[in-house]
Amino acid sequence: MKTDSFDFDTIILGGGSAGYAAARTLAEGGLKTAVIDGGEELGGLCILRGCMPTKALLYAAEVKHLAEHW
């Protein structure tokens, strides 16, 4: 959908970990939120390839370990 007008309560500049957290918090609070990021993919190193995926893998490994050793 292309539009020539925009109506947002807030705009976040940058889709890295801080921008992502801010946008999520504001959206959960009911604010119409936009994220502007200049990269080809939305999100910084932490969100796409760094600590967030690492934490997900570590958690999955812990769950698997607990299931196997219950």
Protein backbone atom coordinates (compact mmCIF):
# COMPACT_ATOMS: atom_id res chain seq x y z
CA MET A 1 0.00 0.00 0.00
CA LYS A 2 1.51 3.29 -1.08
CA THR A 3 0.43 6.47 0.62
CA ASP A 4 1.57 10.07 0.46
CA SER A 5 0.70 10.77 4.08
CA PHE A 6 1.86 9.17 7.29
CA ASP A 7 0.26 9.17 10.71
CA PHE A 8 2.46 7.84 13.52
CA ASP A 9 2.58 8.59 17.20
CA THR A 10 6.32 7.95 17.26
CA ILE A 11 9.18 7.17 14.91
CA ILE A 12 12.26 5.20 15.94
CA LEU A 13 15.52 5.86 14.09
CA GLY A 14 17.55 2.66 13.83
CA GLY A 15 16.45 -0.93 14.03
CA GLY A 16 19.21 -2.24 16.27
CA SER A 17 18.63 -3.70 19.71
CA ALA A 18 17.73 -0.38 21.34
CA GLY A 19 15.49 0.71 18.47
CA TYR A 20 13.79 -2.68 18.40
CA ALA A 21 13.17 -2.61 22.16
CA ALA A 22 11.83 0.94 22.03
CA ALA A 23 9.52 0.24 19.10
CA ARG A 24 8.18 -2.93 20.67
CA THR A 25 7.53 -1.22 24.02
CA LEU A 26 5.78 1.74 22.38
CA ALA A 27 3.68 -0.49 20.10
CA GLU A 28 2.65 -2.67 23.04
CA GLY A 29 1.59 0.55 24.76
CA GLY A 30 -0.81 1.23 21.91
CA LEU A 31 1.21 3.82 20.00
CA LYS A 32 1.34 3.67 16.22
CA THR A 33 5.09 3.25 15.75
CA ALA A 34 7.41 3.31 12.73
CA VAL A 35 11.05 2.22 12.55
CA ILE A 36 13.41 3.84 10.06
CA ASP A 37 16.65 2.02 9.34
CA GLY A 38 19.06 2.68 6.50
CA GLY A 39 20.37 -0.86 6.24
CA GLU A 40 19.34 -3.40 3.65
CA GLU A 41 17.86 -5.51 6.46
CA LEU A 42 16.03 -4.06 9.42
CA GLY A 43 18.00 -4.62 12.58
CA GLY A 44 21.58 -4.35 13.62
CA LEU A 45 24.21 -6.97 14.27
CA CYS A 46 22.74 -7.95 17.64
CA ILE A 47 19.24 -8.62 16.32
CA LEU A 48 20.17 -10.44 13.10
CA ARG A 49 23.47 -12.24 13.70
CA GLY A 50 24.70 -11.54 17.22
CA CYS A 51 23.38 -11.87 20.74
CA MET A 52 19.67 -12.45 19.97
CA PRO A 53 20.18 -15.57 17.79
CA THR A 54 22.88 -16.77 20.19
CA LYS A 55 20.52 -16.50 23.15
CA ALA A 56 17.84 -18.41 21.23
CA LEU A 57 20.29 -21.21 20.38
CA LEU A 58 21.59 -21.41 23.95
CA TYR A 59 18.05 -21.61 25.31
CA ALA A 60 17.11 -24.34 22.81
CA ALA A 61 20.23 -26.30 23.81
CA GLU A 62 19.33 -25.96 27.49
CA VAL A 63 15.77 -27.18 26.87
CA LYS A 64 17.10 -30.15 24.87
CA HIS A 65 19.60 -30.98 27.63
CA LEU A 66 16.91 -30.83 30.31
CA ALA A 67 14.56 -33.01 28.24
CA GLU A 68 17.25 -35.63 27.73
CA HIS A 69 18.32 -35.69 31.37
CA TRP A 70 14.94 -35.40 33.12
